[in-house]
Amino acid sequence: MILTGIGDEGASSIDGQIQATRELGWNQIEMRGVEVPGYPKANLHEIPDAAFDIVVRKLDESGIGVYCFGSTVMNWAKTVQTPFDVTLAEVRRAIPRMKRLGTTYVRIMSLKPGDEDDQIPHEVFERVRDVTKMFLDEGLQPVHENCMNYGGMSSKHALEILEKAPGLKWVFDTANPIFNPDRSKSKPWPKQDPWEFWTQLREHTVHIHIKDATWNPAKNDADYNWPGEGQGRVRDILKDAFARGYDAGISIEPHMVVVFHDTNANGKANEDAMRANYVAYGRRLMKLIDEVKQPA
């Protein structure tokens, strides 16, 4: 089992991400967005080469590896109207950087669904299949996340994406079902059931994102909680995963600290708050894992 976390949940800066990882006693980061001195924050496959060189050097010096690229490939900010060339360019930038860092996994998605769509356009299948093959051909493993994308519209849609893209695997997020509608059901779509989604996708899951949340009807959005304290069935899912022999990556994504873009002194305050929450979250997860692994 590899314990890691999405780095930019703990800090924007590469130095802060490394510090948070060290405080937890971990040696892996799931790298998504990162800020390097002298360069604006961006996804790891989007920062300039000079900034990437600095990230590599700092990670090497710290002894911390990158377990997974949290890429922007076909994420919820893109639709089928987004030119496929945008995606191809992202993949081509990510591949050599993954190889340089010795990273095996890359998180991808399958484009933002329309407000009324409950079917997956044929173009989505084609793009996911092509992207999957591009990574697999280079010895890298793409993993699709159940998020605000076509493959995340329900467990049925997820299984359909996997069927259409041979070799694609799954990264299961415990809290995303809480705020995503189940588009396999009749309208008005109910929210998804985390346990149902997990049981349908667990055989395809090679990486797990741990966040927890409670749906708040008053604000029509989720409130994020400590692991095991929300509606994400985190405890049950981990217990089931371990009982089935799961020993791969588990990555924290707290989502509990709201961070505003700020380059002045308040920016450091945000970094401190993020890191404190991230470290506390990681420690709570380790305690929870110890508990669920105890014999009944």
Protein backbone atom coordinates (compact mmCIF):
# COMPACT_ATOMS: atom_id res chain seq x y z
CA MET A 1 0.00 0.00 0.00
CA ILE A 2 1.28 3.44 -0.97
CA LEU A 3 0.03 6.42 1.05
CA THR A 4 0.20 9.68 -0.85
CA GLY A 5 -1.78 12.85 -1.45
CA ILE A 6 -2.65 15.36 -4.14
CA GLY A 7 0.15 17.82 -3.54
CA ASP A 8 -1.63 21.09 -4.25
CA GLU A 9 -4.18 20.27 -1.55
CA GLY A 10 -1.31 20.64 0.93
CA ALA A 11 0.43 23.65 -0.61
CA SER A 12 0.68 25.50 -3.88
CA SER A 13 4.47 25.69 -3.84
CA ILE A 14 6.72 22.72 -4.52
CA ASP A 15 8.57 23.45 -1.27
CA GLY A 16 5.32 23.40 0.71
CA GLN A 17 4.19 20.18 -0.94
CA ILE A 18 7.46 18.51 -0.06
CA GLN A 19 7.25 19.80 3.52
CA ALA A 20 3.70 18.48 4.00
CA THR A 21 4.70 15.08 2.61
CA ARG A 22 7.70 14.89 4.93
CA GLU A 23 5.61 15.86 7.96
CA LEU A 24 3.42 12.83 7.29
CA GLY A 25 6.44 10.57 6.90
CA TRP A 26 5.40 9.72 3.33
CA ASN A 27 7.67 9.52 0.29
CA GLN A 28 5.22 9.93 -2.59
CA ILE A 29 3.17 12.81 -4.02
CA GLU A 30 0.30 12.75 -6.47
CA MET A 31 1.33 15.83 -8.40
CA ARG A 32 -1.36 18.07 -9.89
CA GLY A 33 -0.84 21.84 -9.78
CA VAL A 34 2.46 23.25 -8.59
CA GLU A 35 4.03 26.67 -8.14
CA VAL A 36 7.76 27.09 -8.64
CA PRO A 37 9.58 30.28 -7.60
CA GLY A 38 9.56 32.66 -10.54
CA TYR A 39 6.76 30.85 -12.40
CA PRO A 40 2.96 30.88 -12.10
CA LYS A 41 1.16 27.84 -10.71
CA ALA A 42 0.11 25.30 -13.34
CA ASN A 43 -0.34 21.59 -13.81
CA LEU A 44 2.88 19.60 -13.75
CA HIS A 45 2.65 18.84 -17.46
CA GLU A 46 2.01 22.52 -18.28
CA ILE A 47 4.76 24.37 -16.39
CA PRO A 48 7.75 25.51 -18.49
CA ASP A 49 10.72 23.18 -18.89
CA ALA A 50 12.87 25.33 -16.61
CA ALA A 51 10.25 25.15 -13.85
CA PHE A 52 9.90 21.40 -14.32
CA ASP A 53 13.67 21.02 -13.96
CA ILE A 54 13.45 22.78 -10.59
CA VAL A 55 10.63 20.47 -9.46
CA VAL A 56 12.66 17.41 -10.46
CA ARG A 57 15.73 18.67 -8.61
CA LYS A 58 13.80 19.48 -5.43
CA LEU A 59 12.04 16.11 -5.46
CA ASP A 60 15.32 14.28 -6.02
CA GLU A 61 16.96 16.14 -3.14
CA SER A 62 14.03 15.33 -0.84
CA GLY A 63 13.83 11.66 -1.79
CA ILE A 64 10.16 12.05 -2.71
CA GLY A 65 8.69 10.44 -5.81
CA VAL A 66 5.63 11.20 -7.91
CA TYR A 67 3.20 8.30 -7.69
CA CYS A 68 0.65 9.70 -10.12
CA PHE A 69 0.21 12.67 -12.47
CA GLY A 70 -3.13 14.36 -11.73
CA SER A 71 -3.34 15.58 -15.31
CA THR A 72 -5.84 17.91 -16.94
CA VAL A 73 -6.29 15.48 -19.84
CA MET A 74 -9.96 15.59 -20.90
CA ASN A 75 -10.96 17.00 -17.52
CA TRP A 76 -14.25 18.67 -16.55
CA ALA A 77 -13.10 21.99 -18.04
CA LYS A 78 -13.27 20.51 -21.57
CA THR A 79 -16.12 19.25 -23.73
CA VAL A 80 -16.38 17.40 -27.05
CA GLN A 81 -16.26 20.85 -28.65
CA THR A 82 -12.71 21.29 -27.33
CA PRO A 83 -10.33 20.48 -30.20
CA PHE A 84 -8.73 17.07 -29.73
CA ASP A 85 -5.38 18.67 -30.55
CA VAL A 86 -5.50 20.29 -27.10
CA THR A 87 -5.67 16.85 -25.50
CA LEU A 88 -3.02 15.33 -27.75
CA ALA A 89 -0.61 18.14 -26.85
CA GLU A 90 -1.21 17.55 -23.11
CA VAL A 91 -0.54 13.84 -23.48
CA ARG A 92 2.64 14.45 -25.46
CA ARG A 93 3.92 16.83 -22.79
CA ALA A 94 3.01 14.47 -19.95
CA ILE A 95 4.65 11.31 -21.30
CA PRO A 96 8.32 12.40 -21.21
CA ARG A 97 7.85 14.09 -17.84
CA MET A 98 6.31 10.95 -16.35
CA LYS A 99 9.21 8.91 -17.65
CA ARG A 100 11.76 11.33 -16.24
CA LEU A 101 10.15 11.10 -12.80
CA GLY A 102 9.56 7.36 -12.97
CA THR A 103 5.81 7.83 -12.58
CA THR A 104 3.55 4.96 -13.62
CA TYR A 105 0.02 6.36 -13.22
CA VAL A 106 -1.69 9.31 -14.88
CA ARG A 107 -5.20 10.41 -13.90
CA ILE A 108 -7.37 11.27 -16.90
CA MET A 109 -11.06 12.04 -17.38
CA SER A 110 -13.56 11.92 -20.23
CA LEU A 111 -14.77 15.48 -20.83
CA LYS A 112 -17.57 17.49 -19.25
CA PRO A 113 -21.11 16.20 -19.90
CA GLY A 114 -23.84 18.57 -21.04
CA ASP A 115 -26.49 19.67 -18.56
CA GLU A 116 -29.11 17.44 -20.12
CA ASP A 117 -26.98 14.66 -21.63
CA ASP A 118 -27.34 11.15 -20.28
CA GLN A 119 -25.63 9.48 -23.21
CA ILE A 120 -21.95 9.49 -24.09
CA PRO A 121 -21.12 10.92 -27.54
CA HIS A 122 -19.20 8.55 -29.76
CA GLU A 123 -16.35 11.08 -29.93
CA VAL A 124 -15.74 10.64 -26.21
CA PHE A 125 -15.16 6.91 -26.59
CA GLU A 126 -12.78 7.53 -29.48
CA ARG A 127 -10.76 10.12 -27.58
CA VAL A 128 -10.51 8.09 -24.39
CA ARG A 129 -9.49 5.01 -26.38
CA ASP A 130 -6.83 6.94 -28.32
CA VAL A 131 -5.40 8.61 -25.20
CA THR A 132 -5.36 5.30 -23.32
CA LYS A 133 -3.40 3.68 -26.14
CA MET A 134 -0.92 6.56 -26.29
CA PHE A 135 -0.02 6.11 -22.62
CA LEU A 136 -0.05 2.31 -22.69
CA ASP A 137 2.23 2.26 -25.73
CA GLU A 138 4.80 4.13 -23.61
CA GLY A 139 4.48 1.72 -20.67
CA LEU A 140 2.37 4.15 -18.62
CA GLN A 141 -0.99 3.42 -16.99
CA PRO A 142 -3.90 5.84 -17.41
CA VAL A 143 -6.54 5.75 -14.67
CA HIS A 144 -9.96 7.34 -15.11
CA GLU A 145 -11.56 9.17 -12.18
CA ASN A 146 -15.26 9.19 -11.36
CA CYS A 147 -15.69 12.95 -11.39
CA MET A 148 -17.73 15.53 -13.29
CA ASN A 149 -17.20 13.83 -16.64
CA TYR A 150 -18.93 11.39 -18.99
CA GLY A 151 -17.37 8.35 -17.34
CA GLY A 152 -18.47 9.64 -13.96
CA MET A 153 -22.17 10.01 -14.81
CA SER A 154 -22.92 6.67 -13.12
CA SER A 155 -21.29 3.31 -12.49
CA LYS A 156 -22.89 2.07 -15.72
CA HIS A 157 -21.30 4.89 -17.68
CA ALA A 158 -17.98 4.16 -15.97
CA LEU A 159 -18.07 0.51 -16.99
CA GLU A 160 -18.97 1.52 -20.53
CA ILE A 161 -15.94 3.83 -20.73
CA LEU A 162 -13.69 0.99 -19.54
CA GLU A 163 -15.19 -1.39 -22.09
CA LYS A 164 -14.58 1.07 -24.93
CA ALA A 165 -10.95 1.80 -23.93
CA PRO A 166 -9.05 -1.49 -23.50
CA GLY A 167 -6.33 -1.28 -20.87
CA LEU A 168 -7.80 1.72 -19.04
CA LYS A 169 -8.01 1.35 -15.24
CA TRP A 170 -9.91 3.24 -12.53
CA VAL A 171 -9.08 5.69 -9.76
CA PHE A 172 -12.02 5.68 -7.38
CA ASP A 173 -12.92 8.86 -5.51
CA THR A 174 -15.00 8.18 -2.41
CA ALA A 175 -16.75 11.58 -2.21
CA ASN A 176 -17.45 12.46 -5.84
CA PRO A 177 -20.66 10.37 -5.96
CA ILE A 178 -22.13 12.54 -3.20
CA PHE A 179 -22.48 15.59 -5.44
CA ASN A 180 -22.80 13.90 -8.85
CA PRO A 181 -26.20 12.92 -10.25
CA ASP A 182 -26.77 9.30 -11.22
CA ARG A 183 -27.61 9.70 -14.89
CA SER A 184 -28.39 6.02 -15.31
CA LYS A 185 -31.61 6.67 -13.39
CA SER A 186 -34.77 8.50 -14.44
CA LYS A 187 -35.04 12.27 -14.04
CA PRO A 188 -34.89 14.04 -11.71
CA TRP A 189 -31.56 12.30 -11.27
CA PRO A 190 -30.82 11.25 -7.70
CA LYS A 191 -27.30 11.63 -6.32
CA GLN A 192 -25.01 8.66 -6.77
CA ASP A 193 -24.41 6.06 -4.07
CA PRO A 194 -20.68 5.81 -3.20
CA TRP A 195 -20.98 2.19 -2.08
CA GLU A 196 -22.85 1.10 -5.22
CA PHE A 197 -20.31 2.87 -7.43
CA TRP A 198 -17.42 1.27 -5.54
CA THR A 199 -18.81 -2.26 -5.74
CA GLN A 200 -19.26 -1.94 -9.49
CA LEU A 201 -15.77 -0.48 -10.11
CA ARG A 202 -13.62 -2.10 -7.43
CA GLU A 203 -12.36 -4.86 -9.74
CA HIS A 204 -10.98 -2.19 -12.06
CA THR A 205 -9.60 0.12 -9.35
CA VAL A 206 -5.82 0.48 -9.02
CA HIS A 207 -5.77 3.80 -7.15
CA ILE A 208 -8.08 5.40 -4.57
CA HIS A 209 -8.72 9.07 -3.77
CA ILE A 210 -9.86 9.64 -0.21
CA LYS A 211 -12.08 12.61 0.44
CA ASP A 212 -15.33 12.70 2.36
CA ALA A 213 -18.35 14.93 2.15
CA THR A 214 -21.95 15.47 3.21
CA TRP A 215 -24.56 16.80 0.82
CA ASN A 216 -25.95 20.15 1.97
CA PRO A 217 -29.35 20.82 0.34
CA ALA A 218 -29.44 24.38 1.71
CA LYS A 219 -26.52 25.41 -0.46
CA ASN A 220 -27.02 22.76 -3.15
CA ASP A 221 -23.45 21.64 -2.71
CA ALA A 222 -21.30 19.37 -0.57
CA ASP A 223 -19.65 20.16 2.75
CA TYR A 224 -16.29 18.41 3.07
CA ASN A 225 -15.47 16.35 6.14
CA TRP A 226 -12.63 14.47 7.77
CA PRO A 227 -12.18 10.96 6.36
CA GLY A 228 -14.86 8.63 7.67
CA GLU A 229 -17.09 11.44 8.99
CA GLY A 230 -19.16 12.14 5.87
CA GLN A 231 -21.40 10.20 3.49
CA GLY A 232 -18.58 8.81 1.32
CA ARG A 233 -18.60 5.36 2.99
CA VAL A 234 -14.82 5.77 3.38
CA ARG A 235 -14.53 3.31 6.26
CA ASP A 236 -16.63 0.66 4.50
CA ILE A 237 -14.85 1.08 1.19
CA LEU A 238 -11.39 0.82 2.74
CA LYS A 239 -12.40 -2.20 4.81
CA ASP A 240 -13.76 -3.90 1.71
CA ALA A 241 -10.70 -2.98 -0.36
CA PHE A 242 -8.27 -4.39 2.20
CA ALA A 243 -10.36 -7.54 2.62
CA ARG A 244 -9.99 -8.07 -1.12
CA GLY A 245 -6.23 -7.64 -0.94
CA TYR A 246 -5.93 -4.06 -2.15
CA ASP A 247 -2.33 -2.90 -1.70
CA ALA A 248 -1.93 -0.05 -4.21
CA GLY A 249 -2.14 3.75 -3.91
CA ILE A 250 -4.36 5.64 -1.49
CA SER A 251 -4.25 9.41 -2.01
CA ILE A 252 -5.77 12.12 0.18
CA GLU A 253 -7.69 15.03 -1.35
CA PRO A 254 -9.13 16.90 1.66
CA HIS A 255 -10.94 19.77 -0.13
CA MET A 256 -11.51 21.31 3.31
CA VAL A 257 -9.57 24.58 3.03
CA VAL A 258 -10.74 27.25 0.61
CA VAL A 259 -7.70 28.91 -0.92
CA PHE A 260 -7.81 32.20 -2.79
CA HIS A 261 -5.16 33.30 -5.24
CA ASP A 262 -2.97 35.67 -3.29
CA THR A 263 0.64 36.70 -3.82
CA ASN A 264 1.06 38.83 -0.69
CA ALA A 265 1.48 37.89 2.97
CA ASN A 266 -1.95 36.29 3.06
CA GLY A 267 -0.65 33.77 0.53
CA LYS A 268 1.68 32.33 3.17
CA ALA A 269 -1.20 32.17 5.63
CA ASN A 270 -3.15 30.13 3.08
CA GLU A 271 -0.16 27.83 2.59
CA ASP A 272 0.12 27.31 6.34
CA ALA A 273 -3.61 26.55 6.66
CA MET A 274 -3.52 24.16 3.72
CA ARG A 275 -0.50 22.30 5.03
CA ALA A 276 -1.90 22.03 8.56
CA ASN A 277 -5.19 20.63 7.25
CA TYR A 278 -3.44 18.27 4.84
CA VAL A 279 -1.16 16.86 7.53
CA ALA A 280 -4.04 16.47 10.01
CA TYR A 281 -6.10 14.77 7.30
CA GLY A 282 -3.31 12.36 6.47
CA ARG A 283 -2.83 11.46 10.12
CA ARG A 284 -6.55 10.83 10.55
CA LEU A 285 -6.52 8.61 7.48
CA MET A 286 -3.61 6.56 8.84
CA LYS A 287 -5.50 6.12 12.12
CA LEU A 288 -8.63 5.09 10.21
CA ILE A 289 -6.67 2.57 8.16
CA ASP A 290 -5.24 1.05 11.33
CA GLU A 291 -8.76 0.75 12.73
CA VAL A 292 -10.33 -0.91 9.71
CA LYS A 293 -7.46 -3.36 9.44
CA GLN A 294 -8.07 -4.61 12.98
CA PRO A 295 -9.62 -8.09 13.04
CA ALA A 296 -13.35 -8.09 13.78
